[in-house]
Amino acid sequence: MDTLRRFYREIWTVDFEFYAPPGERPTPLCLAAHELLTRRLHTVWLGGTASASLPWSSEPDTLIVAYYASAEMSCYLALGWPFPSRLLDLYAEFRALTSGRSVPCGHGLLGALAYFGLEGLAALEKEDMQHLAMRGGPYSTAERDALMAYCQTDVDALAHLLPAMGY
């Protein structure tokens, strides 16, 4: 992490939850982000509206960290946001790191966390939240709160995974 600090003014772990009918562009439901250097948190319920503005810079001094970043970038597209200048996809990094090795818990975020001995959300709970997002709205207040909390757990997990992977 010390190396990253030398090159970036901000380092954001980012996760969206979204609804995406087959063959359609995703509809972002919520966003959670954690700026690692200042420990700022940013969460917002988007609820399918495209009116949110980019909460951080897209300049080269800002690093965006995601897991399976193509999903996050599809939400950027849906929101009309410019892509980040610097993007680190820990999924791609994990796949490269474990190429040819046995990965008992898979290549998803939970598998990467387990590989490094880090705790993550229970797989069943993660699956339930993914199904809730993919169901589409309308969402009750309790469902919105649950999706926001779930989104935040993935961002928190990324904050732990990043140094475990040697960054």
Foldseek 3Di string as FASTA:
>chain_A
DVVLVVQAPWEKEKFWQWAADPPGQTQTQKMWMATPPVRDIDIDGCQRPLPDDDPDDLDRRYEYEYAPCVNVVSNCVSNVHDHRPHYHHVLVVQCVVQPPHDQPVDSGLCSLCVVLPHDADPPVLLVVLNVLRHVGDDDDPVNSVSNRVNNNRRRVSRSVSVVSSPD
